Protein backbone atom coordinates (compact mmCIF):
# COMPACT_ATOMS: atom_id res chain seq x y z
CA MET A 1 95.11 152.92 -11.67
CA VAL A 2 94.61 155.74 -9.16
CA LYS A 3 97.94 154.93 -7.46
CA THR A 4 99.75 155.05 -10.82
CA TYR A 5 98.06 158.36 -11.69
CA LYS A 6 99.00 159.85 -8.32
CA LYS A 7 102.63 158.75 -8.70
CA GLY A 8 102.83 160.36 -12.14
CA TYR A 9 101.06 163.51 -11.00
CA THR A 10 103.38 163.85 -8.00
CA ALA A 11 106.46 163.41 -10.20
CA GLU A 12 105.19 166.00 -12.69
CA ARG A 13 104.52 168.50 -9.90
CA GLU A 14 108.07 167.98 -8.62
CA ILE A 15 109.50 168.91 -12.03
CA VAL A 16 107.14 171.91 -12.35
CA HIS A 17 108.36 173.33 -9.03
CA THR A 18 112.01 172.60 -9.79
CA LEU A 19 111.84 174.35 -13.17
CA TYR A 20 110.01 177.30 -11.62
CA LYS A 21 112.78 177.68 -9.03
CA MET A 22 115.25 177.66 -11.94
CA GLY A 23 113.51 180.71 -13.41
CA TYR A 24 111.22 179.06 -15.97
CA ALA A 25 107.59 179.97 -16.57
CA VAL A 26 106.08 176.50 -16.38
CA ILE A 27 102.75 174.75 -16.70
CA ARG A 28 101.60 171.17 -16.32
CA THR A 29 99.14 170.14 -19.03
CA PRO A 30 96.86 167.38 -17.69
CA ARG A 31 95.44 165.09 -20.33
CA SER A 32 92.02 164.20 -19.00
CA GLY A 33 89.43 165.24 -21.57
CA ARG A 34 92.07 165.41 -24.30
CA ILE A 35 91.19 167.33 -27.41
CA CYS A 36 93.16 165.12 -29.81
CA LEU A 37 95.97 167.63 -30.25
CA PRO A 38 99.62 167.06 -29.35
CA SER A 39 100.03 167.83 -25.65
CA PRO A 40 103.21 167.26 -23.62
CA ASP A 41 103.03 166.78 -19.85
CA ILE A 42 104.96 169.97 -19.09
CA ILE A 43 105.71 173.15 -21.04
CA ALA A 44 108.39 175.51 -19.74
CA ALA A 45 109.86 178.74 -21.13
CA LYS A 46 112.73 180.98 -20.07
CA HIS A 47 114.11 183.93 -22.03
CA GLY A 48 112.76 182.62 -25.33
CA LYS A 49 113.87 179.03 -24.73
CA ILE A 50 110.97 176.56 -24.73
CA ILE A 51 111.19 173.01 -23.43
CA VAL A 52 108.50 170.36 -23.45
CA LEU A 53 108.61 167.23 -21.33
CA GLU A 54 106.89 163.88 -21.41
CA CYS A 55 107.30 162.57 -17.86
CA LYS A 56 107.57 158.94 -16.82
CA SER A 57 107.90 157.60 -13.29
CA ARG A 58 108.92 153.96 -13.56
CA LYS A 59 111.09 151.48 -11.68
CA ARG A 60 112.01 149.52 -14.80
CA ALA A 61 112.66 149.95 -18.48
CA PHE A 62 109.79 151.16 -20.63
CA ASN A 63 108.92 152.05 -24.18
CA VAL A 64 107.83 155.50 -25.33
CA PRO A 65 104.94 154.99 -27.77
CA ALA A 66 105.62 156.25 -31.29
CA GLU A 67 102.58 158.53 -31.00
CA GLN A 68 104.16 160.38 -28.05
CA VAL A 69 107.45 160.75 -29.91
CA GLU A 70 105.58 162.20 -32.89
CA GLU A 71 103.64 164.60 -30.65
CA LEU A 72 106.85 165.88 -29.07
CA ARG A 73 108.44 166.30 -32.49
CA GLU A 74 105.36 168.30 -33.55
CA TRP A 75 105.89 170.62 -30.59
CA GLU A 76 109.52 171.07 -31.57
CA LYS A 77 108.45 171.98 -35.10
CA ARG A 78 105.54 174.31 -34.26
CA ALA A 79 106.89 176.04 -31.16
CA GLY A 80 110.63 175.89 -31.71
CA ALA A 81 110.75 173.87 -28.49
CA THR A 82 113.29 171.31 -27.37
CA ALA A 83 111.62 168.08 -26.27
CA TYR A 84 112.75 165.53 -23.70
CA ILE A 85 111.55 162.36 -22.07
CA ALA A 86 111.94 162.91 -18.31
CA TRP A 87 112.29 159.63 -16.40
CA LYS A 88 112.09 159.56 -12.62
CA VAL A 89 113.66 156.51 -11.03
CA ALA A 90 112.87 156.00 -7.34
CA HIS A 91 115.84 156.76 -5.09
CA LYS A 92 117.97 157.76 -8.10
CA GLY A 93 116.33 160.95 -9.33
CA TRP A 94 115.52 162.32 -12.77
CA PHE A 95 117.07 161.47 -16.12
CA PHE A 96 116.37 163.63 -19.20
CA PHE A 97 116.62 162.13 -22.67
CA PRO A 98 116.76 164.29 -25.79
CA MET A 99 114.53 163.10 -28.62
CA SER A 100 117.57 162.08 -30.69
CA VAL A 101 118.50 159.53 -28.00
CA VAL A 102 114.91 158.30 -27.72
CA GLU A 103 114.64 157.81 -31.48
CA GLU A 104 118.09 156.23 -31.71
CA ASN A 105 116.86 153.60 -29.23
CA ARG A 106 113.48 153.20 -30.97
CA GLY A 107 111.65 154.54 -27.93
CA ASN A 108 113.16 151.97 -25.56
CA ILE A 109 114.32 153.50 -22.30
CA GLY A 110 116.16 150.98 -20.15
CA LYS A 111 118.66 150.26 -17.40
CA ARG A 112 121.68 151.17 -19.50
CA MET A 113 120.20 154.47 -20.61
CA PRO A 114 121.20 156.82 -17.74
CA GLN A 115 124.65 157.36 -19.24
CA LYS A 116 122.90 158.85 -22.29
CA ALA A 117 120.78 161.17 -20.14
CA ILE A 118 121.47 164.78 -19.27
CA GLY A 119 120.84 166.57 -15.99
CA ILE A 120 118.14 169.12 -15.36
CA ASP A 121 120.70 171.94 -15.41
CA ASP A 122 121.60 170.98 -18.99
CA ILE A 123 118.14 171.02 -20.54
């Protein structure tokens, strides 16, 4: 469990620093002691543009729970944010999936998905 947490934390920190270097104001929102409110992993803003990210660091395909999709949609609605699932694949880098792609695939993110992803410069 600790190893998985550390891997996720390290991946999230990487994105935080990358977005900061791109000019975003950015914060990581750890979930320990959650208060039962929608909370993405990362919130970033730049010149009025707000993005929220749910980060995953996995070797293989995975499913985004419906609850996380709903929480990200809530952030889009309340904050005017654009939400993405950010998937880090070891030795391949980051893939960013808009919510429309995630919902179109019923939350399933798999091997064939990278062609539907966008790069960090396009978020």
